[in-house]
């Protein structure tokens, strides 16, 4: 599934003008099955490369981080309490 960006917003602290995080809107749809995903992923300063700031980071890099977070968040996690199907 090809994941596309439908939004990139910076969350600014109006008191001091710093960017606290970025909100990335992602979506994708599988043409064959019709399955789709629609997500909002928050990228924190700790997610950026060491020493990087939102103002100096390439937006494409922020989107890449968000896509990786989406993949990690949606990966199947084995648990002892998985219900029977």
PDB file of N, CA and C in Angstrom:
ATOM      1  N   UNK A   1       0.856  -1.172   0.000  1.00  0.00           N
ATOM      2  CA  UNK A   1       0.000   0.000   0.000  1.00  0.00           C
ATOM      3  C   UNK A   1       0.900   1.232   0.000  1.00  0.00           C
ATOM      4  N   UNK A   2       0.650   2.129  -0.900  1.00  0.00           N
ATOM      5  CA  UNK A   2       1.406   3.367  -0.991  1.00  0.00           C
ATOM      6  C   UNK A   2       0.809   4.384  -0.015  1.00  0.00           C
ATOM      7  N   UNK A   3       1.598   4.839   0.937  1.00  0.00           N
ATOM      8  CA  UNK A   3       1.132   5.795   1.942  1.00  0.00           C
ATOM      9  C   UNK A   3       1.458   7.205   1.474  1.00  0.00           C
ATOM     10  N   UNK A   4       0.446   8.044   1.431  1.00  0.00           N
ATOM     11  CA  UNK A   4       0.569   9.429   0.988  1.00  0.00           C
ATOM     12  C   UNK A   4       0.378  10.387   2.167  1.00  0.00           C
ATOM     13  N   UNK A   5       0.826  11.612   2.003  1.00  0.00           N
ATOM     14  CA  UNK A   5       0.671  12.644   3.027  1.00  0.00           C
ATOM     15  C   UNK A   5      -0.513  13.527   2.657  1.00  0.00           C
ATOM     16  N   UNK A   6      -1.394  13.760   3.626  1.00  0.00           N
ATOM     17  CA  UNK A   6      -2.487  14.703   3.370  1.00  0.00           C
ATOM     18  C   UNK A   6      -2.440  15.901   4.303  1.00  0.00           C
ATOM     19  N   UNK A   7      -1.386  16.006   5.106  1.00  0.00           N
ATOM     20  CA  UNK A   7      -1.237  17.183   5.951  1.00  0.00           C
ATOM     21  C   UNK A   7       0.048  17.140   6.753  1.00  0.00           C
ATOM     22  N   UNK A   8       0.616  18.308   6.971  1.00  0.00           N
ATOM     23  CA  UNK A   8       1.783  18.464   7.839  1.00  0.00           C
ATOM     24  C   UNK A   8       1.608  19.785   8.568  1.00  0.00           C
ATOM     25  N   UNK A   9       1.405  19.692   9.876  1.00  0.00           N
ATOM     26  CA  UNK A   9       1.176  20.885  10.697  1.00  0.00           C
ATOM     27  C   UNK A   9       2.167  20.904  11.843  1.00  0.00           C
ATOM     28  N   UNK A  10       2.673  22.088  12.118  1.00  0.00           N
ATOM     29  CA  UNK A  10       3.569  22.269  13.248  1.00  0.00           C
ATOM     30  C   UNK A  10       2.772  22.806  14.428  1.00  0.00           C
ATOM     31  N   UNK A  11       3.024  22.243  15.611  1.00  0.00           N
ATOM     32  CA  UNK A  11       2.373  22.692  16.838  1.00  0.00           C
ATOM     33  C   UNK A  11       3.328  23.652  17.538  1.00  0.00           C
ATOM     34  N   UNK A  12       2.939  24.932  17.582  1.00  0.00           N
ATOM     35  CA  UNK A  12       3.809  25.992  18.074  1.00  0.00           C
ATOM     36  C   UNK A  12       3.400  26.403  19.479  1.00  0.00           C
ATOM     37  N   UNK A  13       4.392  26.581  20.341  1.00  0.00           N
ATOM     38  CA  UNK A  13       4.164  27.150  21.665  1.00  0.00           C
ATOM     39  C   UNK A  13       4.104  28.658  21.484  1.00  0.00           C
ATOM     40  N   UNK A  14       2.928  29.236  21.647  1.00  0.00           N
ATOM     41  CA  UNK A  14       2.747  30.664  21.397  1.00  0.00           C
ATOM     42  C   UNK A  14       3.440  31.535  22.433  1.00  0.00           C
ATOM     43  N   UNK A  15       3.785  30.970  23.584  1.00  0.00           N
ATOM     44  CA  UNK A  15       4.468  31.740  24.619  1.00  0.00           C
ATOM     45  C   UNK A  15       5.898  32.090  24.217  1.00  0.00           C
ATOM     46  N   UNK A  16       6.600  31.115  23.636  1.00  0.00           N
ATOM     47  CA  UNK A  16       8.008  31.373  23.297  1.00  0.00           C
ATOM     48  C   UNK A  16       8.325  31.177  21.814  1.00  0.00           C
ATOM     49  N   UNK A  17       7.334  30.781  21.011  1.00  0.00           N
ATOM     50  CA  UNK A  17       7.522  30.650  19.572  1.00  0.00           C
ATOM     51  C   UNK A  17       8.241  29.393  19.124  1.00  0.00           C
ATOM     52  N   UNK A  18       8.448  28.453  20.023  1.00  0.00           N
ATOM     53  CA  UNK A  18       9.131  27.220  19.635  1.00  0.00           C
ATOM     54  C   UNK A  18       8.134  26.221  19.052  1.00  0.00           C
ATOM     55  N   UNK A  19       8.633  25.358  18.196  1.00  0.00           N
ATOM     56  CA  UNK A  19       7.810  24.285  17.646  1.00  0.00           C
ATOM     57  C   UNK A  19       7.945  23.093  18.575  1.00  0.00           C
ATOM     58  N   UNK A  20       6.820  22.647  19.134  1.00  0.00           N
ATOM     59  CA  UNK A  20       6.830  21.558  20.100  1.00  0.00           C
ATOM     60  C   UNK A  20       6.715  20.188  19.450  1.00  0.00           C
ATOM     61  N   UNK A  21       6.043  20.109  18.309  1.00  0.00           N
ATOM     62  CA  UNK A  21       5.866  18.844  17.612  1.00  0.00           C
ATOM     63  C   UNK A  21       5.308  19.120  16.222  1.00  0.00           C
ATOM     64  N   UNK A  22       5.207  18.057  15.441  1.00  0.00           N
ATOM     65  CA  UNK A  22       4.585  18.146  14.120  1.00  0.00           C
ATOM     66  C   UNK A  22       3.526  17.058  14.032  1.00  0.00           C
ATOM     67  N   UNK A  23       2.413  17.379  13.408  1.00  0.00           N
ATOM     68  CA  UNK A  23       1.323  16.426  13.197  1.00  0.00           C
ATOM     69  C   UNK A  23       1.294  16.111  11.701  1.00  0.00           C
ATOM     70  N   UNK A  24       1.452  14.829  11.373  1.00  0.00           N
ATOM     71  CA  UNK A  24       1.496  14.416   9.969  1.00  0.00           C
ATOM     72  C   UNK A  24       0.272  13.557   9.671  1.00  0.00           C
ATOM     73  N   UNK A  25      -0.511  13.962   8.685  1.00  0.00           N
ATOM     74  CA  UNK A  25      -1.659  13.188   8.234  1.00  0.00           C
ATOM     75  C   UNK A  25      -1.220  12.242   7.130  1.00  0.00           C
ATOM     76  N   UNK A  26      -1.520  10.967   7.301  1.00  0.00           N
ATOM     77  CA  UNK A  26      -1.138   9.945   6.321  1.00  0.00           C
ATOM     78  C   UNK A  26      -2.357   9.137   5.910  1.00  0.00           C
ATOM     79  N   UNK A  27      -2.392   8.727   4.654  1.00  0.00           N
ATOM     80  CA  UNK A  27      -3.475   7.863   4.189  1.00  0.00           C
ATOM     81  C   UNK A  27      -2.960   6.960   3.070  1.00  0.00           C
ATOM     82  N   UNK A  28      -3.652   5.868   2.890  1.00  0.00           N
ATOM     83  CA  UNK A  28      -3.331   4.954   1.799  1.00  0.00           C
ATOM     84  C   UNK A  28      -4.525   4.058   1.538  1.00  0.00           C
ATOM     85  N   UNK A  29      -4.642   3.570   0.307  1.00  0.00           N
ATOM     86  CA  UNK A  29      -5.746   2.681  -0.054  1.00  0.00           C
ATOM     87  C   UNK A  29      -5.223   1.629  -1.012  1.00  0.00           C
ATOM     88  N   UNK A  30      -5.574   0.378  -0.738  1.00  0.00           N
ATOM     89  CA  UNK A  30      -5.226  -0.726  -1.614  1.00  0.00           C
ATOM     90  C   UNK A  30      -6.308  -0.857  -2.673  1.00  0.00           C
ATOM     91  N   UNK A  31      -5.953  -0.675  -3.922  1.00  0.00           N
ATOM     92  CA  UNK A  31      -6.928  -0.699  -5.016  1.00  0.00           C
ATOM     93  C   UNK A  31      -7.605  -2.050  -5.160  1.00  0.00           C
ATOM     94  N   UNK A  32      -6.880  -3.120  -4.894  1.00  0.00           N
ATOM     95  CA  UNK A  32      -7.435  -4.463  -5.076  1.00  0.00           C
ATOM     96  C   UNK A  32      -8.444  -4.818  -4.000  1.00  0.00           C
ATOM     97  N   UNK A  33      -8.058  -4.657  -2.749  1.00  0.00           N
ATOM     98  CA  UNK A  33      -8.923  -5.087  -1.647  1.00  0.00           C
ATOM     99  C   UNK A  33      -9.865  -3.995  -1.167  1.00  0.00           C
ATOM    100  N   UNK A  34      -9.512  -2.743  -1.418  1.00  0.00           N
ATOM    101  CA  UNK A  34     -10.306  -1.637  -0.897  1.00  0.00           C
ATOM    102  C   UNK A  34      -9.940  -1.272   0.530  1.00  0.00           C
ATOM    103  N   UNK A  35      -9.009  -2.016   1.129  1.00  0.00           N
ATOM    104  CA  UNK A  35      -8.557  -1.689   2.476  1.00  0.00           C
ATOM    105  C   UNK A  35      -7.883  -0.314   2.459  1.00  0.00           C
ATOM    106  N   UNK A  36      -8.025   0.397   3.568  1.00  0.00           N
ATOM    107  CA  UNK A  36      -7.390   1.707   3.623  1.00  0.00           C
ATOM    108  C   UNK A  36      -6.927   2.011   5.039  1.00  0.00           C
ATOM    109  N   UNK A  37      -6.044   2.985   5.125  1.00  0.00           N
ATOM    110  CA  UNK A  37      -5.562   3.478   6.409  1.00  0.00           C
ATOM    111  C   UNK A  37      -5.610   4.999   6.354  1.00  0.00           C
ATOM    112  N   UNK A  38      -5.989   5.585   7.479  1.00  0.00           N
ATOM    113  CA  UNK A  38      -6.043   7.033   7.608  1.00  0.00           C
ATOM    114  C   UNK A  38      -5.543   7.340   9.014  1.00  0.00           C
ATOM    115  N   UNK A  39      -4.432   8.053   9.129  1.00  0.00           N
ATOM    116  CA  UNK A  39      -3.812   8.224  10.439  1.00  0.00           C
ATOM    117  C   UNK A  39      -3.271   9.634  10.627  1.00  0.00           C
ATOM    118  N   UNK A  40      -3.207  10.045  11.880  1.00  0.00           N
ATOM    119  CA  UNK A  40      -2.540  11.272  12.295  1.00  0.00           C
ATOM    120  C   UNK A  40      -1.408  10.845  13.224  1.00  0.00           C
ATOM    121  N   UNK A  41      -0.178  11.164  12.849  1.00  0.00           N
ATOM    122  CA  UNK A  41       0.991  10.757  13.618  1.00  0.00           C
ATOM    123  C   UNK A  41       1.692  12.002  14.147  1.00  0.00           C
ATOM    124  N   UNK A  42       1.976  11.994  15.449  1.00  0.00           N
ATOM    125  CA  UNK A  42       2.681  13.117  16.076  1.00  0.00           C
ATOM    126  C   UNK A  42       4.174  12.804  16.094  1.00  0.00           C
ATOM    127  N   UNK A  43       4.968  13.717  15.553  1.00  0.00           N
ATOM    128  CA  UNK A  43       6.417  13.607  15.572  1.00  0.00           C
ATOM    129  C   UNK A  43       6.932  14.554  16.652  1.00  0.00           C
ATOM    130  N   UNK A  44       7.630  13.985  17.607  1.00  0.00           N
ATOM    131  CA  UNK A  44       8.174  14.745  18.741  1.00  0.00           C
ATOM    132  C   UNK A  44       9.615  15.158  18.446  1.00  0.00           C
ATOM    133  N   UNK A  45      10.125  16.167  19.155  1.00  0.00           N
ATOM    134  CA  UNK A  45      11.541  16.532  18.971  1.00  0.00           C
ATOM    135  C   UNK A  45      12.483  15.352  19.200  1.00  0.00           C
ATOM    136  N   UNK A  46      12.133  14.461  20.113  1.00  0.00           N
ATOM    137  CA  UNK A  46      12.982  13.296  20.390  1.00  0.00           C
ATOM    138  C   UNK A  46      13.020  12.310  19.220  1.00  0.00           C
ATOM    139  N   UNK A  47      12.073  12.420  18.282  1.00  0.00           N
ATOM    140  CA  UNK A  47      12.061  11.556  17.104  1.00  0.00           C
ATOM    141  C   UNK A  47      13.030  12.036  16.026  1.00  0.00           C
ATOM    142  N   UNK A  48      13.434  13.297  16.100  1.00  0.00           N
ATOM    143  CA  UNK A  48      14.334  13.867  15.098  1.00  0.00           C
ATOM    144  C   UNK A  48      15.765  13.369  15.321  1.00  0.00           C
ATOM    145  N   UNK A  49      16.589  13.513  14.296  1.00  0.00           N
ATOM    146  CA  UNK A  49      17.997  13.152  14.422  1.00  0.00           C
ATOM    147  C   UNK A  49      18.639  13.993  15.528  1.00  0.00           C
ATOM    148  N   UNK A  50      19.678  13.458  16.121  1.00  0.00           N
ATOM    149  CA  UNK A  50      20.340  14.164  17.213  1.00  0.00           C
ATOM    150  C   UNK A  50      20.768  15.568  16.778  1.00  0.00           C
ATOM    151  N   UNK A  51      20.391  16.559  17.572  1.00  0.00           N
ATOM    152  CA  UNK A  51      20.746  17.943  17.295  1.00  0.00           C
ATOM    153  C   UNK A  51      19.828  18.640  16.307  1.00  0.00           C
ATOM    154  N   UNK A  52      18.907  17.916  15.680  1.00  0.00           N
ATOM    155  CA  UNK A  52      18.010  18.514  14.685  1.00  0.00           C
ATOM    156  C   UNK A  52      16.857  19.251  15.365  1.00  0.00           C
ATOM    157  N   UNK A  53      16.378  20.258  14.708  1.00  0.00           N
ATOM    158  CA  UNK A  53      15.223  21.036  15.140  1.00  0.00           C
ATOM    159  C   UNK A  53      14.203  21.010  14.008  1.00  0.00           C
ATOM    160  N   UNK A  54      12.945  21.258  14.340  1.00  0.00           N
ATOM    161  CA  UNK A  54      11.909  21.252  13.306  1.00  0.00           C
ATOM    162  C   UNK A  54      12.182  22.298  12.233  1.00  0.00           C
ATOM    163  N   UNK A  55      12.662  23.471  12.632  1.00  0.00           N
ATOM    164  CA  UNK A  55      12.899  24.534  11.656  1.00  0.00           C
ATOM    165  C   UNK A  55      14.047  24.225  10.706  1.00  0.00           C
ATOM    166  N   UNK A  56      14.962  23.362  11.116  1.00  0.00           N
ATOM    167  CA  UNK A  56      16.095  23.038  10.250  1.00  0.00           C
ATOM    168  C   UNK A  56      15.939  21.681   9.571  1.00  0.00           C
ATOM    169  N   UNK A  57      14.896  20.948   9.908  1.00  0.00           N
ATOM    170  CA  UNK A  57      14.664  19.629   9.307  1.00  0.00           C
ATOM    171  C   UNK A  57      13.889  19.763   8.002  1.00  0.00           C
ATOM    172  N   UNK A  58      14.231  18.935   7.058  1.00  0.00           N
ATOM    173  CA  UNK A  58      13.515  18.871   5.798  1.00  0.00           C
ATOM    174  C   UNK A  58      12.133  18.261   6.078  1.00  0.00           C
ATOM    175  N   UNK A  59      11.041  18.869   5.591  1.00  0.00           N
ATOM    176  CA  UNK A  59       9.715  18.275   5.797  1.00  0.00           C
ATOM    177  C   UNK A  59       9.626  16.822   5.332  1.00  0.00           C
ATOM    178  N   UNK A  60      10.354  16.463   4.283  1.00  0.00           N
ATOM    179  CA  UNK A  60      10.344  15.072   3.812  1.00  0.00           C
ATOM    180  C   UNK A  60      10.904  14.132   4.874  1.00  0.00           C
ATOM    181  N   UNK A  61      11.879  14.599   5.640  1.00  0.00           N
ATOM    182  CA  UNK A  61      12.433  13.783   6.717  1.00  0.00           C
ATOM    183  C   UNK A  61      11.411  13.588   7.830  1.00  0.00           C
ATOM    184  N   UNK A  62      10.635  14.611   8.121  1.00  0.00           N
ATOM    185  CA  UNK A  62       9.589  14.521   9.142  1.00  0.00           C
ATOM    186  C   UNK A  62       8.517  13.529   8.697  1.00  0.00           C
ATOM    187  N   UNK A  63       8.168  13.555   7.418  1.00  0.00           N
ATOM    188  CA  UNK A  63       7.186  12.609   6.877  1.00  0.00           C
ATOM    189  C   UNK A  63       7.723  11.182   6.956  1.00  0.00           C
ATOM    190  N   UNK A  64       8.994  10.991   6.647  1.00  0.00           N
ATOM    191  CA  UNK A  64       9.601   9.664   6.734  1.00  0.00           C
ATOM    192  C   UNK A  64       9.541   9.139   8.161  1.00  0.00           C
ATOM    193  N   UNK A  65       9.824   9.994   9.132  1.00  0.00           N
ATOM    194  CA  UNK A  65       9.731   9.600  10.539  1.00  0.00           C
ATOM    195  C   UNK A  65       8.298   9.185  10.862  1.00  0.00           C
ATOM    196  N   UNK A  66       7.321   9.971  10.397  1.00  0.00           N
ATOM    197  CA  UNK A  66       5.911   9.658  10.668  1.00  0.00           C
ATOM    198  C   UNK A  66       5.517   8.322  10.054  1.00  0.00           C
ATOM    199  N   UNK A  67       5.972   8.046   8.839  1.00  0.00           N
ATOM    200  CA  UNK A  67       5.653   6.768   8.189  1.00  0.00           C
ATOM    201  C   UNK A  67       6.250   5.605   8.963  1.00  0.00           C
ATOM    202  N   UNK A  68       7.463   5.763   9.474  1.00  0.00           N
ATOM    203  CA  UNK A  68       8.085   4.705  10.271  1.00  0.00           C
ATOM    204  C   UNK A  68       7.318   4.494  11.569  1.00  0.00           C
ATOM    205  N   UNK A  69       6.862   5.590  12.187  1.00  0.00           N
ATOM    206  CA  UNK A  69       6.082   5.467  13.420  1.00  0.00           C
ATOM    207  C   UNK A  69       4.750   4.768  13.137  1.00  0.00           C
ATOM    208  N   UNK A  70       4.117   5.083  12.001  1.00  0.00           N
ATOM    209  CA  UNK A  70       2.873   4.422  11.620  1.00  0.00           C
ATOM    210  C   UNK A  70       3.105   2.921  11.458  1.00  0.00           C
ATOM    211  N   UNK A  71       4.181   2.547  10.780  1.00  0.00           N
ATOM    212  CA  UNK A  71       4.484   1.130  10.582  1.00  0.00           C
ATOM    213  C   UNK A  71       4.700   0.431  11.926  1.00  0.00           C
ATOM    214  N   UNK A  72       5.420   1.070  12.818  1.00  0.00           N
ATOM    215  CA  UNK A  72       5.667   0.461  14.136  1.00  0.00           C
ATOM    216  C   UNK A  72       4.380   0.367  14.940  1.00  0.00           C
ATOM    217  N   UNK A  73       3.543   1.398  14.864  1.00  0.00           N
ATOM    218  CA  UNK A  73       2.293   1.420  15.629  1.00  0.00           C
ATOM    219  C   UNK A  73       1.300   0.372  15.145  1.00  0.00           C
ATOM    220  N   UNK A  74       1.344   0.034  13.867  1.00  0.00           N
ATOM    221  CA  UNK A  74       0.363  -0.893  13.306  1.00  0.00           C
ATOM    222  C   UNK A  74       0.901  -2.305  13.111  1.00  0.00           C
ATOM    223  N   UNK A  75       2.169  -2.528  13.451  1.00  0.00           N
ATOM    224  CA  UNK A  75       2.753  -3.871  13.326  1.00  0.00           C
ATOM    225  C   UNK A  75       2.057  -4.820  14.288  1.00  0.00           C
ATOM    226  N   UNK A  76       1.850  -6.037  13.837  1.00  0.00           N
ATOM    227  CA  UNK A  76       1.223  -7.053  14.674  1.00  0.00           C
ATOM    228  C   UNK A  76       2.127  -7.357  15.852  1.00  0.00           C
ATOM    229  N   UNK A  77       1.563  -7.246  17.030  1.00  0.00           N
ATOM    230  CA  UNK A  77       2.316  -7.512  18.250  1.00  0.00           C
ATOM    231  C   UNK A  77       1.743  -8.761  18.896  1.00  0.00           C
ATOM    232  N   UNK A  78       2.598  -9.722  19.136  1.00  0.00           N
ATOM    233  CA  UNK A  78       2.169 -10.975  19.767  1.00  0.00           C
ATOM    234  C   UNK A  78       1.899 -10.732  21.245  1.00  0.00           C
ATOM    235  N   UNK A  79       0.750 -11.191  21.702  1.00  0.00           N
ATOM    236  CA  UNK A  79       0.419 -11.084  23.119  1.00  0.00           C
ATOM    237  C   UNK A  79      -0.094 -12.416  23.612  1.00  0.00           C
ATOM    238  N   UNK A  80       0.007 -12.621  24.891  1.00  0.00           N
ATOM    239  CA  UNK A  80      -0.474 -13.874  25.482  1.00  0.00           C
ATOM    240  C   UNK A  80      -1.996 -13.925  25.490  1.00  0.00           C
ATOM    241  N   UNK A  81      -2.647 -12.781  25.385  1.00  0.00           N
ATOM    242  CA  UNK A  81      -4.112 -12.719  25.483  1.00  0.00           C
ATOM    243  C   UNK A  81      -4.798 -12.528  24.134  1.00  0.00           C
ATOM    244  N   UNK A  82      -4.187 -13.011  23.064  1.00  0.00           N
ATOM    245  CA  UNK A  82      -4.782 -12.881  21.742  1.00  0.00           C
ATOM    246  C   UNK A  82      -6.050 -13.720  21.668  1.00  0.00           C
ATOM    247  N   UNK A  83      -7.191 -13.094  21.345  1.00  0.00           N
ATOM    248  CA  UNK A  83      -8.432 -13.866  21.273  1.00  0.00           C
ATOM    249  C   UNK A  83      -8.427 -14.876  20.128  1.00  0.00           C
ATOM    250  N   UNK A  84      -9.071 -16.000  20.334  1.00  0.00           N
ATOM    251  CA  UNK A  84      -9.173 -17.027  19.291  1.00  0.00           C
ATOM    252  C   UNK A  84     -10.078 -16.537  18.173  1.00  0.00           C
ATOM    253  N   UNK A  85      -9.765 -16.960  16.963  1.00  0.00           N
ATOM    254  CA  UNK A  85     -10.581 -16.530  15.826  1.00  0.00           C
ATOM    255  C   UNK A  85     -11.391 -17.651  15.281  1.00  0.00           C
TER     256      UNK A  85
END
